[in-house]
Amino acid sequence: MLFGKRERHISRILVVEDEPLIAFDNEHLLSDAGYEVVGTVDNLADATRLIESEQIDLVLSDITLNGDGDGLDVARAAAARKIPVLFVTGNLPAEAQSLAVGCLAKPYSEKGMKSALDALDQKLQGKVVKKLPAGLSLYERA
């Protein structure tokens, strides 16, 4: 740790979101927070292409997407490459818990997203997360 900054396990993030304003906000929020946004896509085909071709530390995915497939399919593609998924949704199906490391409930604030990513980063590093930010649920790794 140098000057109070921890080394992040998560640095490269793929955003999978079908709502353009939310996707745009997330992309800028993440970039401003020092994350590298590998891509922002709104469908399974584009997400799968990036998952298969890019180095990705985390996939942030909504459940409902444009076109064929959904966020559960994105999570399955990510799991095949051992990439963790954080669902960002207001309506999480029960089976999603087995496919992701957690879920951040919509709506959330900028602070909520940053706090959720910090907590998730700690979990992925094997640390105990003592207090979860509002709206964040973490699951035992799928």
N, C-alpha and C. Protein backbone atom coordinates (compact mmCIF):
# COMPACT_ATOMS: atom_id res chain seq x y z
N MET A 1 0.85 -1.17 0.00
CA MET A 1 0.00 0.00 0.00
C MET A 1 0.90 1.23 0.00
N LEU A 2 0.62 2.15 -0.90
CA LEU A 2 1.41 3.37 -1.02
C LEU A 2 0.48 4.56 -0.86
N PHE A 3 0.74 5.38 0.17
CA PHE A 3 -0.05 6.57 0.43
C PHE A 3 -1.54 6.26 0.55
N GLY A 4 -1.86 5.17 1.25
CA GLY A 4 -3.26 4.86 1.53
C GLY A 4 -4.01 4.20 0.39
N LYS A 5 -3.38 3.94 -0.74
CA LYS A 5 -4.06 3.30 -1.87
C LYS A 5 -3.74 1.81 -1.85
N ARG A 6 -4.79 0.99 -1.87
CA ARG A 6 -4.61 -0.46 -1.93
C ARG A 6 -4.49 -0.88 -3.38
N GLU A 7 -3.74 -1.94 -3.59
CA GLU A 7 -3.67 -2.50 -4.93
C GLU A 7 -4.99 -3.21 -5.21
N ARG A 8 -5.56 -2.95 -6.36
CA ARG A 8 -6.84 -3.54 -6.72
C ARG A 8 -6.64 -4.88 -7.44
N HIS A 9 -7.49 -5.80 -7.10
CA HIS A 9 -7.57 -7.06 -7.84
C HIS A 9 -8.37 -6.83 -9.13
N ILE A 10 -9.34 -5.95 -9.04
CA ILE A 10 -10.20 -5.62 -10.18
C ILE A 10 -9.69 -4.31 -10.80
N SER A 11 -9.33 -4.37 -12.08
CA SER A 11 -8.96 -3.12 -12.75
C SER A 11 -9.63 -3.00 -14.13
N ARG A 12 -9.86 -4.14 -14.80
CA ARG A 12 -10.45 -4.12 -16.14
C ARG A 12 -11.87 -4.69 -16.07
N ILE A 13 -12.85 -3.86 -16.43
CA ILE A 13 -14.26 -4.20 -16.25
C ILE A 13 -15.01 -4.13 -17.59
N LEU A 14 -15.84 -5.14 -17.83
CA LEU A 14 -16.76 -5.14 -18.96
C LEU A 14 -18.14 -4.78 -18.43
N VAL A 15 -18.76 -3.77 -19.02
CA VAL A 15 -20.12 -3.34 -18.65
C VAL A 15 -21.11 -3.90 -19.68
N VAL A 16 -22.09 -4.65 -19.18
CA VAL A 16 -23.13 -5.22 -20.05
C VAL A 16 -24.46 -4.68 -19.54
N GLU A 17 -25.02 -3.73 -20.28
CA GLU A 17 -26.21 -2.99 -19.83
C GLU A 17 -27.02 -2.56 -21.03
N ASP A 18 -28.34 -2.82 -21.00
CA ASP A 18 -29.19 -2.47 -22.14
C ASP A 18 -29.79 -1.07 -22.06
N GLU A 19 -29.71 -0.42 -20.93
CA GLU A 19 -30.24 0.94 -20.80
C GLU A 19 -29.10 1.93 -21.11
N PRO A 20 -29.20 2.68 -22.22
CA PRO A 20 -28.09 3.54 -22.65
C PRO A 20 -27.62 4.54 -21.60
N LEU A 21 -28.54 5.18 -20.89
CA LEU A 21 -28.11 6.18 -19.89
C LEU A 21 -27.36 5.53 -18.73
N ILE A 22 -27.83 4.38 -18.29
CA ILE A 22 -27.16 3.67 -17.20
C ILE A 22 -25.78 3.20 -17.67
N ALA A 23 -25.71 2.67 -18.89
CA ALA A 23 -24.43 2.22 -19.44
C ALA A 23 -23.44 3.38 -19.52
N PHE A 24 -23.90 4.51 -20.03
CA PHE A 24 -23.06 5.70 -20.15
C PHE A 24 -22.58 6.16 -18.77
N ASP A 25 -23.50 6.24 -17.82
CA ASP A 25 -23.13 6.66 -16.46
C ASP A 25 -22.12 5.70 -15.83
N ASN A 26 -22.36 4.40 -15.98
CA ASN A 26 -21.44 3.41 -15.41
C ASN A 26 -20.05 3.53 -16.03
N GLU A 27 -20.01 3.68 -17.33
CA GLU A 27 -18.72 3.79 -18.02
C GLU A 27 -17.92 4.98 -17.48
N HIS A 28 -18.57 6.11 -17.34
CA HIS A 28 -17.88 7.31 -16.84
C HIS A 28 -17.55 7.20 -15.36
N LEU A 29 -18.46 6.67 -14.57
CA LEU A 29 -18.21 6.49 -13.15
C LEU A 29 -16.99 5.59 -12.94
N LEU A 30 -16.94 4.48 -13.66
CA LEU A 30 -15.83 3.53 -13.51
C LEU A 30 -14.51 4.15 -13.98
N SER A 31 -14.54 4.82 -15.11
CA SER A 31 -13.32 5.47 -15.62
C SER A 31 -12.82 6.52 -14.64
N ASP A 32 -13.73 7.34 -14.14
CA ASP A 32 -13.35 8.38 -13.18
C ASP A 32 -12.79 7.79 -11.88
N ALA A 33 -13.22 6.57 -11.53
CA ALA A 33 -12.76 5.90 -10.32
C ALA A 33 -11.45 5.14 -10.53
N GLY A 34 -10.92 5.21 -11.76
CA GLY A 34 -9.62 4.59 -12.03
C GLY A 34 -9.68 3.19 -12.61
N TYR A 35 -10.86 2.72 -12.96
CA TYR A 35 -10.99 1.41 -13.60
C TYR A 35 -10.85 1.58 -15.11
N GLU A 36 -10.40 0.53 -15.78
CA GLU A 36 -10.36 0.53 -17.23
C GLU A 36 -11.60 -0.21 -17.72
N VAL A 37 -12.42 0.47 -18.48
CA VAL A 37 -13.62 -0.14 -19.04
C VAL A 37 -13.22 -0.78 -20.37
N VAL A 38 -13.23 -2.11 -20.38
CA VAL A 38 -12.83 -2.88 -21.55
C VAL A 38 -13.83 -2.67 -22.68
N GLY A 39 -15.08 -2.53 -22.34
CA GLY A 39 -16.13 -2.31 -23.31
C GLY A 39 -17.46 -2.11 -22.61
N THR A 40 -18.38 -1.49 -23.32
CA THR A 40 -19.74 -1.32 -22.84
C THR A 40 -20.65 -1.83 -23.95
N VAL A 41 -21.37 -2.91 -23.67
CA VAL A 41 -22.20 -3.55 -24.69
C VAL A 41 -23.60 -3.79 -24.12
N ASP A 42 -24.55 -4.06 -25.02
CA ASP A 42 -25.94 -4.23 -24.58
C ASP A 42 -26.54 -5.57 -24.97
N ASN A 43 -25.69 -6.52 -25.42
CA ASN A 43 -26.23 -7.81 -25.85
C ASN A 43 -25.23 -8.94 -25.61
N LEU A 44 -25.76 -10.15 -25.62
CA LEU A 44 -24.96 -11.34 -25.34
C LEU A 44 -23.85 -11.55 -26.37
N ALA A 45 -24.14 -11.38 -27.64
CA ALA A 45 -23.14 -11.64 -28.67
C ALA A 45 -21.90 -10.77 -28.49
N ASP A 46 -22.10 -9.48 -28.28
CA ASP A 46 -20.95 -8.58 -28.10
C ASP A 46 -20.22 -8.87 -26.79
N ALA A 47 -20.98 -9.18 -25.74
CA ALA A 47 -20.35 -9.51 -24.46
C ALA A 47 -19.49 -10.76 -24.59
N THR A 48 -20.02 -11.78 -25.24
CA THR A 48 -19.28 -13.03 -25.41
C THR A 48 -18.01 -12.80 -26.22
N ARG A 49 -18.10 -12.01 -27.26
CA ARG A 49 -16.92 -11.70 -28.08
C ARG A 49 -15.82 -11.08 -27.24
N LEU A 50 -16.17 -10.11 -26.40
CA LEU A 50 -15.18 -9.46 -25.55
C LEU A 50 -14.66 -10.39 -24.45
N ILE A 51 -15.54 -11.18 -23.88
CA ILE A 51 -15.13 -12.14 -22.84
C ILE A 51 -14.09 -13.11 -23.40
N GLU A 52 -14.28 -13.51 -24.64
CA GLU A 52 -13.37 -14.48 -25.26
C GLU A 52 -12.08 -13.86 -25.78
N SER A 53 -12.05 -12.54 -25.98
CA SER A 53 -10.88 -11.94 -26.61
C SER A 53 -10.10 -10.96 -25.74
N GLU A 54 -10.66 -10.54 -24.62
CA GLU A 54 -10.02 -9.51 -23.78
C GLU A 54 -9.65 -10.05 -22.40
N GLN A 55 -8.67 -9.41 -21.79
CA GLN A 55 -8.34 -9.67 -20.40
C GLN A 55 -9.34 -8.86 -19.56
N ILE A 56 -10.17 -9.55 -18.80
CA ILE A 56 -11.23 -8.90 -18.02
C ILE A 56 -11.15 -9.41 -16.58
N ASP A 57 -11.23 -8.48 -15.63
CA ASP A 57 -11.20 -8.85 -14.22
C ASP A 57 -12.59 -9.01 -13.62
N LEU A 58 -13.59 -8.33 -14.22
CA LEU A 58 -14.95 -8.38 -13.70
C LEU A 58 -15.92 -8.01 -14.81
N VAL A 59 -17.05 -8.71 -14.83
CA VAL A 59 -18.16 -8.35 -15.71
C VAL A 59 -19.28 -7.79 -14.83
N LEU A 60 -19.70 -6.56 -15.14
CA LEU A 60 -20.89 -5.96 -14.51
C LEU A 60 -22.02 -6.16 -15.49
N SER A 61 -23.02 -6.93 -15.12
CA SER A 61 -24.07 -7.25 -16.08
C SER A 61 -25.46 -7.09 -15.51
N ASP A 62 -26.30 -6.46 -16.30
CA ASP A 62 -27.74 -6.45 -16.03
C ASP A 62 -28.27 -7.82 -16.44
N ILE A 63 -29.48 -8.14 -16.04
CA ILE A 63 -30.09 -9.41 -16.43
C ILE A 63 -30.77 -9.27 -17.79
N THR A 64 -31.55 -8.22 -17.98
CA THR A 64 -32.26 -8.01 -19.24
C THR A 64 -31.34 -7.32 -20.23
N LEU A 65 -31.21 -7.91 -21.42
CA LEU A 65 -30.34 -7.36 -22.46
C LEU A 65 -31.09 -7.29 -23.77
N ASN A 66 -30.52 -6.59 -24.72
CA ASN A 66 -31.11 -6.52 -26.06
C ASN A 66 -30.78 -7.80 -26.82
N GLY A 67 -31.68 -8.20 -27.73
CA GLY A 67 -31.43 -9.36 -28.58
C GLY A 67 -31.60 -10.67 -27.85
N ASP A 68 -31.00 -11.71 -28.43
CA ASP A 68 -31.08 -13.05 -27.86
C ASP A 68 -30.18 -13.15 -26.64
N GLY A 69 -30.62 -13.90 -25.65
CA GLY A 69 -29.82 -14.13 -24.46
C GLY A 69 -30.04 -13.07 -23.40
N ASP A 70 -29.49 -13.33 -22.22
CA ASP A 70 -29.65 -12.39 -21.11
C ASP A 70 -28.38 -12.39 -20.26
N GLY A 71 -28.45 -11.72 -19.14
CA GLY A 71 -27.29 -11.63 -18.26
C GLY A 71 -26.86 -12.97 -17.69
N LEU A 72 -27.79 -13.90 -17.54
CA LEU A 72 -27.43 -15.23 -17.07
C LEU A 72 -26.54 -15.93 -18.09
N ASP A 73 -26.83 -15.73 -19.38
CA ASP A 73 -25.98 -16.29 -20.43
C ASP A 73 -24.60 -15.63 -20.44
N VAL A 74 -24.57 -14.33 -20.18
CA VAL A 74 -23.29 -13.62 -20.08
C VAL A 74 -22.48 -14.22 -18.93
N ALA A 75 -23.13 -14.47 -17.80
CA ALA A 75 -22.44 -15.04 -16.64
C ALA A 75 -21.90 -16.43 -16.95
N ARG A 76 -22.64 -17.21 -17.69
CA ARG A 76 -22.15 -18.55 -18.07
C ARG A 76 -20.91 -18.44 -18.96
N ALA A 77 -20.93 -17.51 -19.90
CA ALA A 77 -19.76 -17.30 -20.78
C ALA A 77 -18.56 -16.83 -19.96
N ALA A 78 -18.80 -15.95 -19.00
CA ALA A 78 -17.72 -15.46 -18.15
C ALA A 78 -17.17 -16.58 -17.27
N ALA A 79 -18.06 -17.43 -16.75
CA ALA A 79 -17.62 -18.53 -15.89
C ALA A 79 -16.70 -19.48 -16.64
N ALA A 80 -16.96 -19.67 -17.94
CA ALA A 80 -16.11 -20.55 -18.74
C ALA A 80 -14.67 -20.02 -18.82
N ARG A 81 -14.51 -18.71 -18.64
CA ARG A 81 -13.17 -18.08 -18.64
C ARG A 81 -12.72 -17.72 -17.23
N LYS A 82 -13.48 -18.17 -16.23
CA LYS A 82 -13.19 -17.90 -14.81
C LYS A 82 -13.14 -16.40 -14.49
N ILE A 83 -14.06 -15.66 -15.11
CA ILE A 83 -14.19 -14.22 -14.86
C ILE A 83 -15.39 -14.01 -13.94
N PRO A 84 -15.19 -13.35 -12.80
CA PRO A 84 -16.32 -13.11 -11.90
C PRO A 84 -17.33 -12.13 -12.49
N VAL A 85 -18.57 -12.30 -12.08
CA VAL A 85 -19.67 -11.46 -12.55
C VAL A 85 -20.37 -10.85 -11.35
N LEU A 86 -20.63 -9.55 -11.44
CA LEU A 86 -21.48 -8.86 -10.48
C LEU A 86 -22.72 -8.42 -11.24
N PHE A 87 -23.86 -9.00 -10.88
CA PHE A 87 -25.10 -8.57 -11.51
C PHE A 87 -25.48 -7.20 -10.95
N VAL A 88 -25.98 -6.35 -11.83
CA VAL A 88 -26.45 -5.02 -11.46
C VAL A 88 -27.87 -4.95 -12.00
N THR A 89 -28.83 -5.20 -11.12
CA THR A 89 -30.20 -5.35 -11.58
C THR A 89 -31.19 -5.05 -10.46
N GLY A 90 -32.40 -4.78 -10.85
CA GLY A 90 -33.47 -4.59 -9.88
C GLY A 90 -34.30 -5.84 -9.70
N ASN A 91 -34.05 -6.85 -10.54
CA ASN A 91 -34.87 -8.07 -10.51
C ASN A 91 -33.97 -9.28 -10.75
N LEU A 92 -33.47 -9.88 -9.69
CA LEU A 92 -32.53 -10.99 -9.80
C LEU A 92 -33.26 -12.33 -9.68
N PRO A 93 -33.19 -13.15 -10.73
CA PRO A 93 -33.78 -14.49 -10.63
C PRO A 93 -32.99 -15.34 -9.63
N ALA A 94 -33.65 -16.29 -8.99
CA ALA A 94 -33.01 -17.13 -7.97
C ALA A 94 -31.79 -17.86 -8.51
N GLU A 95 -31.85 -18.36 -9.74
CA GLU A 95 -30.72 -19.14 -10.28
C GLU A 95 -29.48 -18.29 -10.52
N ALA A 96 -29.62 -16.98 -10.51
CA ALA A 96 -28.48 -16.09 -10.77
C ALA A 96 -27.43 -16.17 -9.67
N GLN A 97 -27.83 -16.48 -8.46
CA GLN A 97 -26.88 -16.53 -7.35
C GLN A 97 -25.78 -17.57 -7.58
N SER A 98 -26.09 -18.63 -8.30
CA SER A 98 -25.08 -19.66 -8.55
C SER A 98 -24.13 -19.26 -9.68
N LEU A 99 -24.43 -18.18 -10.38
CA LEU A 99 -23.63 -17.77 -11.54
C LEU A 99 -22.75 -16.55 -11.28
N ALA A 100 -22.91 -15.91 -10.13
CA ALA A 100 -22.23 -14.64 -9.90
C ALA A 100 -21.62 -14.59 -8.51
N VAL A 101 -20.74 -13.63 -8.32
CA VAL A 101 -20.17 -13.41 -6.99
C VAL A 101 -21.06 -12.50 -6.16
N GLY A 102 -21.99 -11.81 -6.83
CA GLY A 102 -22.88 -10.94 -6.09
C GLY A 102 -23.83 -10.18 -6.98
N CYS A 103 -24.60 -9.30 -6.33
CA CYS A 103 -25.56 -8.48 -7.04
C CYS A 103 -25.64 -7.12 -6.35
N LEU A 104 -25.61 -6.07 -7.15
CA LEU A 104 -25.86 -4.72 -6.68
C LEU A 104 -27.23 -4.32 -7.19
N ALA A 105 -28.14 -4.05 -6.25
CA ALA A 105 -29.52 -3.74 -6.61
C ALA A 105 -29.64 -2.34 -7.20
N LYS A 106 -30.42 -2.25 -8.28
CA LYS A 106 -30.76 -0.95 -8.85
C LYS A 106 -31.96 -0.42 -8.09
N PRO A 107 -32.09 0.84 -7.92
CA PRO A 107 -31.14 1.89 -8.28
C PRO A 107 -30.03 2.00 -7.22
N TYR A 108 -28.90 2.49 -7.65
CA TYR A 108 -27.75 2.66 -6.76
C TYR A 108 -27.12 4.01 -7.07
N SER A 109 -26.35 4.51 -6.12
CA SER A 109 -25.67 5.79 -6.29
C SER A 109 -24.25 5.55 -6.78
N GLU A 110 -23.58 6.61 -7.15
CA GLU A 110 -22.18 6.52 -7.54
C GLU A 110 -21.36 5.97 -6.37
N LYS A 111 -21.63 6.50 -5.18
CA LYS A 111 -20.93 6.03 -3.98
C LYS A 111 -21.23 4.55 -3.73
N GLY A 112 -22.48 4.16 -3.95
CA GLY A 112 -22.87 2.76 -3.77
C GLY A 112 -22.12 1.83 -4.70
N MET A 113 -21.96 2.24 -5.95
CA MET A 113 -21.23 1.42 -6.92
C MET A 113 -19.76 1.31 -6.52
N LYS A 114 -19.15 2.42 -6.16
CA LYS A 114 -17.74 2.39 -5.76
C LYS A 114 -17.54 1.54 -4.52
N SER A 115 -18.42 1.68 -3.54
CA SER A 115 -18.32 0.89 -2.31
C SER A 115 -18.52 -0.60 -2.61
N ALA A 116 -19.44 -0.91 -3.50
CA ALA A 116 -19.68 -2.31 -3.88
C ALA A 116 -18.45 -2.90 -4.54
N LEU A 117 -17.81 -2.15 -5.42
CA LEU A 117 -16.60 -2.65 -6.08
C LEU A 117 -15.45 -2.83 -5.10
N ASP A 118 -15.34 -1.92 -4.14
CA ASP A 118 -14.31 -2.07 -3.10
C ASP A 118 -14.54 -3.33 -2.28
N ALA A 119 -15.79 -3.56 -1.88
CA ALA A 119 -16.12 -4.75 -1.10
C ALA A 119 -15.87 -6.02 -1.91
N LEU A 120 -16.26 -6.00 -3.17
CA LEU A 120 -16.06 -7.16 -4.03
C LEU A 120 -14.58 -7.43 -4.24
N ASP A 121 -13.80 -6.37 -4.41
CA ASP A 121 -12.36 -6.52 -4.57
C ASP A 121 -11.76 -7.21 -3.35
N GLN A 122 -12.20 -6.79 -2.16
CA GLN A 122 -11.71 -7.43 -0.93
C GLN A 122 -12.07 -8.92 -0.91
N LYS A 123 -13.31 -9.23 -1.28
CA LYS A 123 -13.76 -10.63 -1.30
C LYS A 123 -12.92 -11.45 -2.28
N LEU A 124 -12.67 -10.91 -3.46
CA LEU A 124 -11.90 -11.64 -4.47
C LEU A 124 -10.45 -11.84 -4.06
N GLN A 125 -9.97 -10.99 -3.15
CA GLN A 125 -8.61 -11.15 -2.63
C GLN A 125 -8.58 -12.09 -1.42
N GLY A 126 -9.74 -12.65 -1.07
CA GLY A 126 -9.81 -13.60 0.03
C GLY A 126 -9.96 -12.96 1.39
N LYS A 127 -10.23 -11.67 1.42
CA LYS A 127 -10.40 -10.97 2.68
C LYS A 127 -11.85 -11.05 3.13
N VAL A 128 -12.05 -10.91 4.42
CA VAL A 128 -13.40 -10.91 4.98
C VAL A 128 -13.99 -9.51 4.81
N VAL A 129 -15.18 -9.45 4.25
CA VAL A 129 -15.89 -8.18 4.10
C VAL A 129 -16.82 -8.06 5.29
N LYS A 130 -16.49 -7.15 6.19
CA LYS A 130 -17.23 -7.04 7.45
C LYS A 130 -18.60 -6.39 7.29
N LYS A 131 -18.68 -5.35 6.47
CA LYS A 131 -19.95 -4.65 6.30
C LYS A 131 -20.17 -4.39 4.81
N LEU A 132 -21.29 -4.88 4.32
CA LEU A 132 -21.61 -4.69 2.91
C LEU A 132 -22.29 -3.34 2.71
N PRO A 133 -21.97 -2.67 1.61
CA PRO A 133 -22.68 -1.43 1.28
C PRO A 133 -24.16 -1.73 1.01
N ALA A 134 -24.99 -0.73 1.19
CA ALA A 134 -26.43 -0.87 0.93
C ALA A 134 -26.66 -1.36 -0.49
N GLY A 135 -27.52 -2.34 -0.65
CA GLY A 135 -27.90 -2.83 -1.96
C GLY A 135 -27.00 -3.93 -2.51
N LEU A 136 -25.89 -4.22 -1.84
CA LEU A 136 -24.97 -5.25 -2.33
C LEU A 136 -25.19 -6.56 -1.59
N SER A 137 -25.31 -7.62 -2.36
CA SER A 137 -25.34 -8.99 -1.81
C SER A 137 -24.17 -9.73 -2.41
N LEU A 138 -23.42 -10.44 -1.59
CA LEU A 138 -22.31 -11.26 -2.08
C LEU A 138 -22.68 -12.72 -1.86
N TYR A 139 -22.28 -13.58 -2.81
CA TYR A 139 -22.59 -14.99 -2.75
C TYR A 139 -21.29 -15.78 -2.66
N GLU A 140 -21.43 -16.99 -2.18
CA GLU A 140 -20.28 -17.89 -2.23
C GLU A 140 -19.99 -18.12 -3.71
N ARG A 141 -18.75 -18.10 -4.04
CA ARG A 141 -18.34 -18.14 -5.45
C ARG A 141 -18.95 -19.32 -6.19
N ALA A 142 -19.49 -18.99 -7.35
CA ALA A 142 -20.08 -20.01 -8.23
C ALA A 142 -19.00 -20.92 -8.78
